[in-house]
Amino acid sequence: MSQQPGPRTRSKLKVRGRPFAADAYRRLRRRRLCQWSPSEVRLDLVRTGGFANLRRPASLDTDDLPPAEASEVERLVEEVDLSDLAARSPLEGRGADRFQYDLTVVRDGHEQRVIAAESEVSPGLRAVIDRVLGHAAE
């Protein structure tokens, strides 16, 4: 007899000093009963390549982050010119055993996708990638 997996646990948020689930936060936000940032961001990253050609997916959603960290992620995404990078994507580089990054950013219902080789990643894009990978490692 196998057990059914339980519901996915979500990070706890604090509004007015009290913790509650992200679902409740979303319901309150829709009714505009708590503060929220108008630019929600979801980042999906897949890093492939390297010596063993491993595939490492990672995701980050600002809805699941504390407000200070969410605004920092939004700031990092704003600093990167995603529309230009997406138009030039895929950014191909040279070198054996290098990583390739496939980043999808969904912001305010609009999706942008950037595919970049490790050698072609700008410092701003590197900061976004490091944040997503760091969040996945936690």
N, C-alpha and C. Protein backbone atom coordinates (compact mmCIF):
# COMPACT_ATOMS: atom_id res chain seq x y z
N MET A 1 0.83 -1.17 0.00
CA MET A 1 0.00 0.00 0.00
C MET A 1 0.89 1.24 0.00
N SER A 2 0.77 2.06 -1.03
CA SER A 2 1.63 3.24 -1.11
C SER A 2 0.90 4.46 -0.56
N GLN A 3 1.67 5.34 -0.01
CA GLN A 3 1.10 6.56 0.54
C GLN A 3 1.08 7.64 -0.52
N GLN A 4 0.06 8.45 -0.50
CA GLN A 4 -0.03 9.58 -1.41
C GLN A 4 0.89 10.69 -0.88
N PRO A 5 1.61 11.34 -1.77
CA PRO A 5 2.44 12.44 -1.30
C PRO A 5 1.58 13.57 -0.76
N GLY A 6 2.09 14.22 0.26
CA GLY A 6 1.35 15.33 0.87
C GLY A 6 1.40 16.56 -0.01
N PRO A 7 0.67 17.59 0.34
CA PRO A 7 0.69 18.81 -0.45
C PRO A 7 2.07 19.45 -0.41
N ARG A 8 2.40 20.08 -1.49
CA ARG A 8 3.71 20.74 -1.58
C ARG A 8 3.79 21.84 -0.53
N THR A 9 4.84 21.81 0.24
CA THR A 9 4.99 22.85 1.26
C THR A 9 5.47 24.12 0.59
N ARG A 10 4.98 25.20 1.07
CA ARG A 10 5.35 26.50 0.52
C ARG A 10 6.03 27.31 1.60
N SER A 11 6.84 28.23 1.16
CA SER A 11 7.54 29.05 2.14
C SER A 11 6.53 29.95 2.85
N LYS A 12 6.83 30.26 4.07
CA LYS A 12 5.95 31.11 4.86
C LYS A 12 6.32 32.57 4.64
N LEU A 13 5.33 33.40 4.51
CA LEU A 13 5.52 34.84 4.36
C LEU A 13 4.98 35.51 5.61
N LYS A 14 5.42 36.74 5.85
CA LYS A 14 4.90 37.48 6.99
C LYS A 14 4.24 38.75 6.48
N VAL A 15 3.02 38.94 6.87
CA VAL A 15 2.30 40.18 6.58
C VAL A 15 1.78 40.69 7.90
N ARG A 16 2.10 41.94 8.17
CA ARG A 16 1.75 42.55 9.45
C ARG A 16 2.27 41.73 10.63
N GLY A 17 3.47 41.14 10.45
CA GLY A 17 4.12 40.43 11.53
C GLY A 17 3.67 39.01 11.78
N ARG A 18 2.68 38.53 11.01
CA ARG A 18 2.19 37.16 11.23
C ARG A 18 2.48 36.29 10.01
N PRO A 19 2.99 35.06 10.23
CA PRO A 19 3.28 34.19 9.10
C PRO A 19 2.01 33.54 8.56
N PHE A 20 1.98 33.35 7.24
CA PHE A 20 0.92 32.57 6.63
C PHE A 20 1.39 32.10 5.26
N ALA A 21 0.66 31.17 4.67
CA ALA A 21 1.07 30.52 3.43
C ALA A 21 0.97 31.46 2.24
N ALA A 22 1.73 31.14 1.19
CA ALA A 22 1.75 31.97 -0.01
C ALA A 22 0.38 32.03 -0.68
N ASP A 23 -0.42 30.96 -0.57
CA ASP A 23 -1.76 30.98 -1.16
C ASP A 23 -2.61 32.09 -0.54
N ALA A 24 -2.53 32.20 0.76
CA ALA A 24 -3.28 33.26 1.44
C ALA A 24 -2.78 34.62 1.01
N TYR A 25 -1.48 34.76 0.86
CA TYR A 25 -0.90 36.02 0.40
C TYR A 25 -1.44 36.39 -0.96
N ARG A 26 -1.52 35.41 -1.89
CA ARG A 26 -2.04 35.69 -3.22
C ARG A 26 -3.50 36.12 -3.18
N ARG A 27 -4.29 35.47 -2.33
CA ARG A 27 -5.70 35.85 -2.22
C ARG A 27 -5.84 37.26 -1.68
N LEU A 28 -5.07 37.58 -0.65
CA LEU A 28 -5.12 38.93 -0.10
C LEU A 28 -4.63 39.97 -1.10
N ARG A 29 -3.59 39.61 -1.83
CA ARG A 29 -3.04 40.54 -2.81
C ARG A 29 -4.07 40.85 -3.90
N ARG A 30 -4.81 39.83 -4.33
CA ARG A 30 -5.83 40.06 -5.35
C ARG A 30 -6.90 41.02 -4.85
N ARG A 31 -7.18 40.95 -3.56
CA ARG A 31 -8.18 41.85 -2.98
C ARG A 31 -7.53 43.15 -2.50
N ARG A 32 -6.23 43.29 -2.75
CA ARG A 32 -5.47 44.48 -2.40
C ARG A 32 -5.51 44.81 -0.91
N LEU A 33 -5.45 43.76 -0.09
CA LEU A 33 -5.44 43.96 1.35
C LEU A 33 -4.04 43.95 1.95
N CYS A 34 -3.05 43.67 1.14
CA CYS A 34 -1.68 43.75 1.63
C CYS A 34 -0.80 44.33 0.52
N GLN A 35 0.38 44.80 0.88
CA GLN A 35 1.27 45.41 -0.09
C GLN A 35 1.81 44.36 -1.04
N TRP A 36 2.04 44.76 -2.27
CA TRP A 36 2.63 43.86 -3.24
C TRP A 36 3.31 44.67 -4.30
N SER A 37 4.24 44.07 -4.95
CA SER A 37 4.96 44.71 -6.03
C SER A 37 4.23 44.43 -7.34
N PRO A 38 4.00 45.44 -8.17
CA PRO A 38 3.26 45.21 -9.41
C PRO A 38 4.03 44.36 -10.41
N SER A 39 5.33 44.22 -10.24
CA SER A 39 6.11 43.46 -11.22
C SER A 39 6.58 42.15 -10.59
N GLU A 40 5.74 41.13 -10.66
CA GLU A 40 6.12 39.81 -10.18
C GLU A 40 7.00 39.17 -11.23
N VAL A 41 7.99 38.41 -10.78
CA VAL A 41 8.95 37.82 -11.70
C VAL A 41 9.09 36.33 -11.39
N ARG A 42 9.08 35.52 -12.43
CA ARG A 42 9.41 34.09 -12.32
C ARG A 42 10.57 33.81 -13.25
N LEU A 43 11.60 33.19 -12.71
CA LEU A 43 12.80 32.86 -13.47
C LEU A 43 12.95 31.34 -13.52
N ASP A 44 13.06 30.81 -14.73
CA ASP A 44 13.32 29.39 -14.93
C ASP A 44 14.65 29.28 -15.68
N LEU A 45 15.58 28.54 -15.11
CA LEU A 45 16.91 28.42 -15.67
C LEU A 45 17.26 26.95 -15.84
N VAL A 46 17.88 26.64 -16.97
CA VAL A 46 18.43 25.31 -17.18
C VAL A 46 19.89 25.50 -17.59
N ARG A 47 20.79 24.97 -16.75
CA ARG A 47 22.22 25.03 -17.07
C ARG A 47 22.62 23.66 -17.59
N THR A 48 23.20 23.64 -18.78
CA THR A 48 23.67 22.39 -19.36
C THR A 48 25.15 22.52 -19.69
N GLY A 49 25.78 21.39 -19.92
CA GLY A 49 27.18 21.42 -20.33
C GLY A 49 28.11 21.04 -19.20
N GLY A 50 29.32 21.55 -19.30
CA GLY A 50 30.34 21.19 -18.33
C GLY A 50 31.02 19.90 -18.74
N PHE A 51 31.93 19.45 -17.94
CA PHE A 51 32.72 18.26 -18.25
C PHE A 51 31.85 17.02 -18.45
N ALA A 52 30.83 16.85 -17.59
CA ALA A 52 29.97 15.67 -17.67
C ALA A 52 28.69 15.93 -18.46
N ASN A 53 28.53 17.13 -18.99
CA ASN A 53 27.35 17.52 -19.74
C ASN A 53 26.07 17.28 -18.93
N LEU A 54 26.09 17.73 -17.69
CA LEU A 54 24.93 17.56 -16.80
C LEU A 54 23.92 18.66 -17.05
N ARG A 55 22.66 18.36 -16.76
CA ARG A 55 21.56 19.31 -16.90
C ARG A 55 21.10 19.68 -15.50
N ARG A 56 21.11 20.98 -15.17
CA ARG A 56 20.70 21.43 -13.84
C ARG A 56 19.60 22.48 -13.96
N PRO A 57 18.35 22.10 -13.72
CA PRO A 57 17.26 23.08 -13.75
C PRO A 57 17.15 23.80 -12.40
N ALA A 58 16.70 25.05 -12.45
CA ALA A 58 16.48 25.83 -11.24
C ALA A 58 15.39 26.86 -11.52
N SER A 59 14.61 27.18 -10.51
CA SER A 59 13.53 28.16 -10.64
C SER A 59 13.54 29.10 -9.46
N LEU A 60 13.02 30.29 -9.69
CA LEU A 60 12.88 31.28 -8.63
C LEU A 60 11.62 32.08 -8.94
N ASP A 61 10.76 32.23 -7.96
CA ASP A 61 9.52 32.99 -8.11
C ASP A 61 9.50 34.04 -7.01
N THR A 62 9.34 35.30 -7.37
CA THR A 62 9.37 36.36 -6.36
C THR A 62 8.18 36.28 -5.41
N ASP A 63 7.10 35.58 -5.81
CA ASP A 63 5.96 35.39 -4.90
C ASP A 63 6.36 34.57 -3.68
N ASP A 64 7.36 33.72 -3.81
CA ASP A 64 7.77 32.84 -2.73
C ASP A 64 8.92 33.39 -1.90
N LEU A 65 9.33 34.63 -2.16
CA LEU A 65 10.46 35.23 -1.47
C LEU A 65 9.99 36.30 -0.49
N PRO A 66 10.79 36.58 0.54
CA PRO A 66 10.49 37.73 1.39
C PRO A 66 10.51 39.01 0.56
N PRO A 67 9.74 40.03 0.93
CA PRO A 67 9.64 41.24 0.11
C PRO A 67 10.98 41.90 -0.22
N ALA A 68 11.92 41.95 0.72
CA ALA A 68 13.21 42.58 0.45
C ALA A 68 13.99 41.81 -0.61
N GLU A 69 14.00 40.50 -0.50
CA GLU A 69 14.71 39.68 -1.47
C GLU A 69 14.03 39.71 -2.83
N ALA A 70 12.70 39.75 -2.84
CA ALA A 70 11.95 39.82 -4.09
C ALA A 70 12.25 41.11 -4.83
N SER A 71 12.32 42.23 -4.12
CA SER A 71 12.62 43.50 -4.78
C SER A 71 14.05 43.51 -5.30
N GLU A 72 14.97 42.84 -4.62
CA GLU A 72 16.36 42.74 -5.09
C GLU A 72 16.42 41.93 -6.39
N VAL A 73 15.69 40.84 -6.47
CA VAL A 73 15.66 40.03 -7.70
C VAL A 73 15.05 40.85 -8.84
N GLU A 74 13.96 41.56 -8.55
CA GLU A 74 13.32 42.40 -9.58
C GLU A 74 14.29 43.47 -10.07
N ARG A 75 15.07 44.04 -9.16
CA ARG A 75 16.05 45.06 -9.55
C ARG A 75 17.12 44.47 -10.46
N LEU A 76 17.60 43.27 -10.11
CA LEU A 76 18.61 42.62 -10.95
C LEU A 76 18.08 42.34 -12.35
N VAL A 77 16.83 41.90 -12.44
CA VAL A 77 16.23 41.61 -13.75
C VAL A 77 16.04 42.90 -14.54
N GLU A 78 15.65 43.98 -13.86
CA GLU A 78 15.48 45.27 -14.54
C GLU A 78 16.79 45.78 -15.13
N GLU A 79 17.91 45.52 -14.45
CA GLU A 79 19.21 46.03 -14.90
C GLU A 79 19.71 45.32 -16.16
N VAL A 80 19.20 44.12 -16.43
CA VAL A 80 19.62 43.36 -17.61
C VAL A 80 18.69 43.73 -18.77
N ASP A 81 19.27 44.01 -19.93
CA ASP A 81 18.46 44.33 -21.10
C ASP A 81 18.00 43.02 -21.75
N LEU A 82 16.93 42.46 -21.19
CA LEU A 82 16.45 41.15 -21.64
C LEU A 82 15.93 41.17 -23.06
N SER A 83 15.29 42.26 -23.47
CA SER A 83 14.74 42.30 -24.83
C SER A 83 15.86 42.24 -25.87
N ASP A 84 16.96 42.93 -25.61
CA ASP A 84 18.10 42.89 -26.53
C ASP A 84 18.75 41.50 -26.54
N LEU A 85 18.94 40.93 -25.35
CA LEU A 85 19.55 39.60 -25.26
C LEU A 85 18.65 38.54 -25.91
N ALA A 86 17.35 38.65 -25.70
CA ALA A 86 16.42 37.68 -26.29
C ALA A 86 16.42 37.79 -27.81
N ALA A 87 16.55 39.01 -28.34
CA ALA A 87 16.58 39.20 -29.79
C ALA A 87 17.84 38.60 -30.40
N ARG A 88 18.96 38.65 -29.67
CA ARG A 88 20.23 38.13 -30.18
C ARG A 88 20.44 36.66 -29.82
N SER A 89 19.54 36.09 -29.05
CA SER A 89 19.68 34.71 -28.58
C SER A 89 19.54 33.72 -29.74
N PRO A 90 20.28 32.64 -29.78
CA PRO A 90 21.25 32.15 -28.81
C PRO A 90 22.61 32.84 -28.98
N LEU A 91 23.20 33.18 -27.86
CA LEU A 91 24.53 33.78 -27.83
C LEU A 91 25.54 32.65 -27.74
N GLU A 92 26.18 32.37 -28.84
CA GLU A 92 27.09 31.22 -28.89
C GLU A 92 28.52 31.66 -28.63
N GLY A 93 29.24 30.84 -27.90
CA GLY A 93 30.63 31.10 -27.60
C GLY A 93 31.48 29.89 -27.89
N ARG A 94 32.77 30.05 -27.73
CA ARG A 94 33.70 28.96 -28.00
C ARG A 94 34.21 28.38 -26.70
N GLY A 95 34.65 27.14 -26.78
CA GLY A 95 35.27 26.52 -25.62
C GLY A 95 34.63 25.18 -25.31
N ALA A 96 35.49 24.21 -25.07
CA ALA A 96 35.01 22.88 -24.70
C ALA A 96 34.60 22.87 -23.23
N ASP A 97 33.64 22.05 -22.92
CA ASP A 97 33.19 21.83 -21.54
C ASP A 97 32.70 23.11 -20.87
N ARG A 98 32.14 24.00 -21.63
CA ARG A 98 31.58 25.23 -21.08
C ARG A 98 30.09 25.02 -20.78
N PHE A 99 29.56 25.83 -19.88
CA PHE A 99 28.14 25.76 -19.58
C PHE A 99 27.35 26.58 -20.59
N GLN A 100 26.10 26.17 -20.78
CA GLN A 100 25.15 26.96 -21.57
C GLN A 100 23.95 27.21 -20.67
N TYR A 101 23.42 28.43 -20.70
CA TYR A 101 22.32 28.83 -19.84
C TYR A 101 21.09 29.12 -20.69
N ASP A 102 19.98 28.53 -20.32
CA ASP A 102 18.70 28.78 -20.97
C ASP A 102 17.80 29.40 -19.90
N LEU A 103 17.62 30.72 -19.97
CA LEU A 103 16.88 31.47 -18.96
C LEU A 103 15.56 31.97 -19.54
N THR A 104 14.47 31.65 -18.86
CA THR A 104 13.16 32.15 -19.24
C THR A 104 12.68 33.05 -18.11
N VAL A 105 12.32 34.29 -18.46
CA VAL A 105 11.85 35.26 -17.49
C VAL A 105 10.40 35.59 -17.82
N VAL A 106 9.52 35.36 -16.85
CA VAL A 106 8.12 35.73 -17.00
C VAL A 106 7.87 36.89 -16.05
N ARG A 107 7.52 38.04 -16.64
CA ARG A 107 7.31 39.25 -15.86
C ARG A 107 6.06 39.94 -16.36
N ASP A 108 5.10 40.16 -15.47
CA ASP A 108 3.83 40.81 -15.81
C ASP A 108 3.14 40.12 -16.97
N GLY A 109 3.23 38.80 -17.02
CA GLY A 109 2.56 38.04 -18.06
C GLY A 109 3.32 37.94 -19.37
N HIS A 110 4.47 38.59 -19.48
CA HIS A 110 5.28 38.55 -20.69
C HIS A 110 6.49 37.65 -20.47
N GLU A 111 6.76 36.80 -21.45
CA GLU A 111 7.85 35.84 -21.33
C GLU A 111 8.98 36.21 -22.28
N GLN A 112 10.21 36.17 -21.76
CA GLN A 112 11.40 36.41 -22.57
C GLN A 112 12.36 35.26 -22.31
N ARG A 113 12.99 34.78 -23.38
CA ARG A 113 13.91 33.65 -23.25
C ARG A 113 15.26 34.03 -23.81
N VAL A 114 16.29 33.73 -23.04
CA VAL A 114 17.67 34.01 -23.43
C VAL A 114 18.46 32.71 -23.33
N ILE A 115 19.16 32.37 -24.40
CA ILE A 115 20.07 31.23 -24.39
C ILE A 115 21.46 31.79 -24.61
N ALA A 116 22.37 31.52 -23.68
CA ALA A 116 23.69 32.11 -23.76
C ALA A 116 24.76 31.12 -23.33
N ALA A 117 25.87 31.12 -24.06
CA ALA A 117 27.04 30.34 -23.67
C ALA A 117 27.72 31.04 -22.50
N GLU A 118 28.44 30.28 -21.72
CA GLU A 118 29.11 30.82 -20.53
C GLU A 118 30.02 32.00 -20.86
N SER A 119 30.71 31.93 -21.98
CA SER A 119 31.65 32.99 -22.33
C SER A 119 30.95 34.26 -22.81
N GLU A 120 29.65 34.19 -23.11
CA GLU A 120 28.92 35.35 -23.61
C GLU A 120 27.99 35.98 -22.58
N VAL A 121 28.04 35.51 -21.34
CA VAL A 121 27.17 36.02 -20.29
C VAL A 121 27.71 37.35 -19.78
N SER A 122 26.86 38.38 -19.80
CA SER A 122 27.25 39.71 -19.30
C SER A 122 27.27 39.70 -17.77
N PRO A 123 27.93 40.67 -17.15
CA PRO A 123 27.96 40.72 -15.68
C PRO A 123 26.56 40.82 -15.06
N GLY A 124 25.66 41.58 -15.67
CA GLY A 124 24.30 41.70 -15.15
C GLY A 124 23.55 40.39 -15.23
N LEU A 125 23.68 39.71 -16.37
CA LEU A 125 23.03 38.42 -16.54
C LEU A 125 23.65 37.38 -15.61
N ARG A 126 24.96 37.48 -15.37
CA ARG A 126 25.65 36.58 -14.44
C ARG A 126 25.06 36.72 -13.03
N ALA A 127 24.76 37.96 -12.62
CA ALA A 127 24.18 38.18 -11.29
C ALA A 127 22.80 37.51 -11.18
N VAL A 128 22.00 37.58 -12.23
CA VAL A 128 20.68 36.94 -12.23
C VAL A 128 20.84 35.42 -12.17
N ILE A 129 21.72 34.88 -12.99
CA ILE A 129 21.95 33.43 -13.02
C ILE A 129 22.44 32.94 -11.67
N ASP A 130 23.40 33.65 -11.08
CA ASP A 130 23.92 33.25 -9.77
C ASP A 130 22.84 33.27 -8.70
N ARG A 131 21.94 34.25 -8.77
CA ARG A 131 20.85 34.34 -7.78
C ARG A 131 19.89 33.14 -7.91
N VAL A 132 19.56 32.78 -9.15
CA VAL A 132 18.65 31.65 -9.36
C VAL A 132 19.31 30.35 -8.91
N LEU A 133 20.56 30.13 -9.30
CA LEU A 133 21.26 28.90 -8.89
C LEU A 133 21.48 28.85 -7.39
N GLY A 134 21.77 29.99 -6.79
CA GLY A 134 21.95 30.05 -5.33
C GLY A 134 20.66 29.75 -4.59
N HIS A 135 19.54 30.25 -5.12
CA HIS A 135 18.25 29.98 -4.49
C HIS A 135 17.90 28.49 -4.58
N ALA A 136 18.23 27.87 -5.72
CA ALA A 136 17.94 26.44 -5.91
C ALA A 136 18.78 25.58 -4.96
N ALA A 137 19.98 26.05 -4.62
CA ALA A 137 20.88 25.28 -3.77
C ALA A 137 20.44 25.32 -2.30
N GLU A 138 19.62 26.31 -1.93
CA GLU A 138 19.20 26.45 -0.52
C GLU A 138 18.24 25.39 -0.10
